[in-house]
Every structure is written in structure tokens, then in C-alpha cells.
Amino acid sequence: MNNLKKYSKIRSRMQNGDVIAFQGTDFPAMAVQNTTGSQFSHVGLVIRITDVDIDRIFIIESVPSAGVVLLPLSRKLYTFPGRAWWAPLRFSKISNNMLPQLNEQKVRSIIYKWAMCELGKAYDFTMIGSIIKSILLKCKASEEDCREYICSELVAQAFKQGQIWPKGMNISNITPVDIINLPIIDALVELY
């Protein structure tokens, strides 16, 4: 079990739409890391619920065992076998012409509402195969499909809904490291 002292100190700064990045230690995680040449194997979105006198931080993610789910972030971090980072969104890092009429809180609200509506959608096993094929064979991945999601596709679609996804960037072959390398992602902060 992981010590959450670092997480406890920074959780008050986390906002809807921020990204949580993971480096797993199991075989599927290591396969993602090796295939993509990255330390990251998984990503999810921060969902902060502050209704009815509560202030809880959740992660919405797409996982093979259940599809799109919402879990308390503290529980995920406490039991996760590997490393994890908070990747805050920093709107000052992108040009004003990317967000012509949306302010930061409006974007975060759009991401929150859209992501919550995607709960329960299935995991996209076909996309995983397509990404591996596209990396190994240097060919085009399958087209994006919003009926099922892999983790990075869920985050990318949320950003697309919030109009902070780079124009012309393909979502269909997106990997966790591609999410972390987006211009709107600020420096990573280790969570434990």
C-alpha cells in the first residue's frame, strides 16, 4: 500500500479535467510502456465533486475489467502497484487563439459534464490492437469511435469536447504519453 502524504498535501489544488498518469508494474502496463517507449501506462481524469457539503476527488478512467468507471482517487492511489503523477492543466501554456470564447472554468465544466455522461461505456479492446499494430507496422490506426474507450482516448475525447484538443491531431491512436506531452499539460507532480 502506498503512502499518500504527498497526495494529501496537493489534493486541494486538483481540478476537474486535470490528468492523473500512471506507471504500472504488471504485464499489460509494461507492454504499453515498452510499445510506446514511455514510462506511462495509463491516464485518467480528475473529477472533483463539491456538492452537498462534500469535497471529494475522483478519477474517471477506462479500464479493461469494467470500461469507464469513477473511483475515489485516494483509493486508486493507495492500492496502485506502481507510480502515479498529477498532471495539472495550465491554460496559460496555450495560445489565446485556441480558446477564443471559452474560459478555464467553462472548459473544466464541459469536461466534467461530458466525462460523467460517459460512465459505463465499454473498454475498447479493438483500439488497443489497432494501436499496437500501428506502432509496430507503422500503419494507420482505426478511426475514432466514441462507443468504447481506452484510457487515453477517453481523456482525448474529453479535451476535444472542452475544445482544448490540438486541431488536426488524431485521437484514434493516442497513447498515455501523447496525453502527457500535450501543450496544455503542466509539469508532473509525483503523488507518492
Protein backbone atom coordinates (compact mmCIF):
# COMPACT_ATOMS: atom_id res chain seq x y z
CA MET A 1 0.00 0.00 0.00
CA ASN A 2 1.23 3.48 -0.88
CA ASN A 3 1.84 6.39 1.47
CA LEU A 4 -0.47 9.25 0.44
CA LYS A 5 1.22 12.14 2.32
CA LYS A 6 2.22 13.89 -0.94
CA TYR A 7 -1.26 13.43 -2.37
CA SER A 8 -2.85 14.82 0.80
CA LYS A 9 -0.75 17.98 0.51
CA ILE A 10 -1.69 18.73 -3.10
CA ARG A 11 -5.24 17.38 -3.43
CA SER A 12 -6.73 20.82 -2.68
CA ARG A 13 -5.14 22.12 -5.91
CA MET A 14 -6.62 19.43 -8.16
CA GLN A 15 -9.40 20.48 -10.50
CA ASN A 16 -11.79 18.88 -12.96
CA GLY A 17 -10.03 17.86 -16.14
CA ASP A 18 -6.54 17.56 -14.68
CA VAL A 19 -4.84 14.31 -15.67
CA ILE A 20 -3.52 11.53 -13.47
CA ALA A 21 -0.74 9.49 -15.13
CA PHE A 22 0.38 6.05 -14.03
CA GLN A 23 3.36 3.78 -14.47
CA GLY A 24 2.21 0.25 -13.76
CA THR A 25 4.27 -2.81 -12.90
CA ASP A 26 2.08 -5.61 -14.24
CA PHE A 27 2.49 -7.26 -17.65
CA PRO A 28 -0.15 -5.20 -19.54
CA ALA A 29 1.28 -1.93 -18.16
CA MET A 30 4.82 -2.90 -19.07
CA ALA A 31 3.64 -3.89 -22.56
CA VAL A 32 2.12 -0.41 -23.02
CA GLN A 33 5.30 1.24 -21.72
CA ASN A 34 7.56 -0.87 -23.97
CA THR A 35 5.38 -0.49 -27.05
CA THR A 36 5.13 3.29 -26.68
CA GLY A 37 8.68 3.84 -25.43
CA SER A 38 7.33 5.68 -22.41
CA GLN A 39 7.21 5.40 -18.64
CA PHE A 40 3.42 5.91 -18.71
CA SER A 41 0.96 3.05 -19.00
CA HIS A 42 -2.37 4.65 -18.05
CA VAL A 43 -4.12 8.01 -17.70
CA GLY A 44 -7.39 9.22 -16.21
CA LEU A 45 -9.16 12.49 -15.45
CA VAL A 46 -9.63 14.22 -12.12
CA ILE A 47 -13.28 14.69 -11.20
CA ARG A 48 -13.87 16.92 -8.19
CA ILE A 49 -17.33 16.72 -6.66
CA THR A 50 -18.17 19.54 -4.27
CA ASP A 51 -21.93 19.15 -3.94
CA VAL A 52 -23.92 18.80 -0.72
CA ASP A 53 -21.12 19.83 1.66
CA ILE A 54 -18.61 17.30 0.37
CA ASP A 55 -15.32 17.82 -1.41
CA ARG A 56 -14.19 14.54 -2.95
CA ILE A 57 -11.60 13.88 -5.61
CA PHE A 58 -12.31 11.02 -8.01
CA ILE A 59 -10.67 9.59 -11.09
CA ILE A 60 -12.67 8.74 -14.17
CA GLU A 61 -10.84 6.20 -16.27
CA SER A 62 -11.35 3.41 -18.76
CA VAL A 63 -10.08 0.04 -17.55
CA PRO A 64 -10.22 -3.38 -19.27
CA SER A 65 -12.14 -5.04 -16.44
CA ALA A 66 -15.06 -2.57 -16.32
CA GLY A 67 -14.87 0.12 -19.02
CA VAL A 68 -15.39 3.74 -17.93
CA VAL A 69 -15.56 3.95 -14.14
CA LEU A 70 -15.43 6.57 -11.38
CA LEU A 71 -13.38 5.78 -8.26
CA PRO A 72 -12.14 7.79 -5.29
CA LEU A 73 -8.65 8.86 -6.32
CA SER A 74 -7.26 8.16 -2.86
CA ARG A 75 -8.36 4.51 -3.10
CA LYS A 76 -6.84 4.13 -6.57
CA LEU A 77 -3.54 5.65 -5.43
CA TYR A 78 -3.40 3.69 -2.18
CA THR A 79 -3.65 0.34 -3.92
CA PHE A 80 -1.95 1.05 -7.27
CA PRO A 81 1.14 -1.11 -7.87
CA GLY A 82 3.45 1.44 -9.45
CA ARG A 83 3.98 5.18 -9.64
CA ALA A 84 1.49 7.99 -10.23
CA TRP A 85 1.63 11.70 -11.10
CA TRP A 86 -0.75 14.63 -11.17
CA ALA A 87 -0.61 16.49 -14.48
CA PRO A 88 -2.47 19.78 -13.99
CA LEU A 89 -3.96 21.68 -16.90
CA ARG A 90 -2.35 25.07 -17.40
CA PHE A 91 -4.35 27.27 -19.68
CA SER A 92 -1.60 29.90 -19.72
CA LYS A 93 0.57 27.42 -21.66
CA ILE A 94 -1.62 27.57 -24.76
CA SER A 95 -2.26 30.42 -27.13
CA ASN A 96 -5.38 32.56 -26.82
CA ASN A 97 -6.48 31.67 -30.35
CA MET A 98 -7.01 28.05 -29.20
CA LEU A 99 -9.63 29.18 -26.67
CA PRO A 100 -11.32 32.08 -28.44
CA GLN A 101 -14.54 32.13 -26.42
CA LEU A 102 -14.11 29.69 -23.53
CA ASN A 103 -12.67 30.50 -20.15
CA GLU A 104 -10.90 27.96 -17.95
CA GLN A 105 -13.82 27.24 -15.63
CA LYS A 106 -16.20 26.80 -18.57
CA VAL A 107 -13.78 24.31 -20.18
CA ARG A 108 -13.41 22.39 -16.92
CA SER A 109 -17.20 22.31 -16.52
CA ILE A 110 -17.66 20.94 -20.06
CA ILE A 111 -15.04 18.24 -19.45
CA TYR A 112 -16.70 17.28 -16.14
CA LYS A 113 -20.20 17.03 -17.58
CA TRP A 114 -19.12 15.14 -20.70
CA ALA A 115 -16.95 12.65 -18.76
CA MET A 116 -19.71 11.90 -16.26
CA CYS A 117 -22.06 11.09 -19.16
CA GLU A 118 -19.56 8.51 -20.47
CA LEU A 119 -19.65 6.39 -17.30
CA GLY A 120 -20.41 2.76 -18.03
CA LYS A 121 -19.17 2.72 -21.62
CA ALA A 122 -17.16 -0.37 -22.55
CA TYR A 123 -13.40 -0.71 -22.84
CA ASP A 124 -12.13 -0.57 -26.43
CA PHE A 125 -10.09 -3.76 -26.85
CA THR A 126 -10.10 -3.32 -30.64
CA MET A 127 -8.35 0.05 -30.29
CA ILE A 128 -5.54 -1.48 -28.23
CA GLY A 129 -4.84 -3.96 -31.02
CA SER A 130 -5.00 -1.20 -33.60
CA ILE A 131 -2.52 0.98 -31.70
CA ILE A 132 -0.05 -1.86 -31.27
CA LYS A 133 -0.36 -2.69 -34.97
CA SER A 134 0.10 0.96 -35.98
CA ILE A 135 3.23 1.31 -33.83
CA LEU A 136 4.84 -1.97 -34.85
CA LEU A 137 3.89 -1.87 -38.54
CA LYS A 138 3.96 1.92 -38.93
CA CYS A 139 0.46 1.95 -40.36
CA LYS A 140 -2.70 3.92 -39.70
CA ALA A 141 -4.76 3.07 -36.60
CA SER A 142 -8.50 2.55 -36.80
CA GLU A 143 -10.85 5.52 -36.80
CA GLU A 144 -12.02 7.07 -33.53
CA ASP A 145 -15.22 5.64 -32.12
CA CYS A 146 -17.00 7.10 -29.08
CA ARG A 147 -18.90 3.93 -28.19
CA GLU A 148 -15.92 2.39 -26.35
CA TYR A 149 -12.73 3.86 -24.90
CA ILE A 150 -9.18 3.08 -23.92
CA CYS A 151 -7.82 5.33 -21.17
CA SER A 152 -6.04 7.88 -23.36
CA GLU A 153 -8.92 8.01 -25.85
CA LEU A 154 -11.31 8.91 -23.01
CA VAL A 155 -9.06 11.80 -21.92
CA ALA A 156 -8.57 12.95 -25.53
CA GLN A 157 -12.31 12.96 -26.23
CA ALA A 158 -12.93 14.94 -23.03
CA PHE A 159 -10.36 17.52 -24.15
CA LYS A 160 -11.93 17.59 -27.61
CA GLN A 161 -15.33 18.31 -26.02
CA GLY A 162 -13.73 21.13 -24.00
CA GLN A 163 -12.15 22.49 -27.20
CA ILE A 164 -8.61 22.16 -25.86
CA TRP A 165 -7.57 19.27 -28.13
CA PRO A 166 -4.99 20.38 -30.75
CA LYS A 167 -6.62 20.86 -34.14
CA GLY A 168 -5.66 18.17 -36.63
CA MET A 169 -4.28 15.79 -34.00
CA ASN A 170 -5.67 12.28 -34.41
CA ILE A 171 -7.40 10.76 -31.38
CA SER A 172 -7.64 7.21 -32.70
CA ASN A 173 -4.04 6.19 -31.97
CA ILE A 174 -3.44 8.26 -28.87
CA THR A 175 -1.35 6.83 -26.02
CA PRO A 176 -0.81 7.91 -22.40
CA VAL A 177 2.48 9.62 -23.24
CA ASP A 178 0.77 11.60 -26.02
CA ILE A 179 -1.67 12.97 -23.44
CA ILE A 180 1.16 13.94 -21.07
CA ASN A 181 3.01 15.68 -23.93
CA LEU A 182 0.08 17.93 -24.86
CA PRO A 183 0.82 21.68 -24.68
CA ILE A 184 -1.90 22.24 -22.06
CA ILE A 185 -0.33 19.77 -19.58
CA ASP A 186 1.91 21.40 -16.98
CA ALA A 187 4.83 19.81 -15.13
CA LEU A 188 4.06 16.49 -13.49
CA VAL A 189 3.85 16.23 -9.70
CA GLU A 190 4.55 12.84 -8.12
CA LEU A 191 1.68 11.69 -5.91
CA TYR A 192 3.54 9.34 -3.52
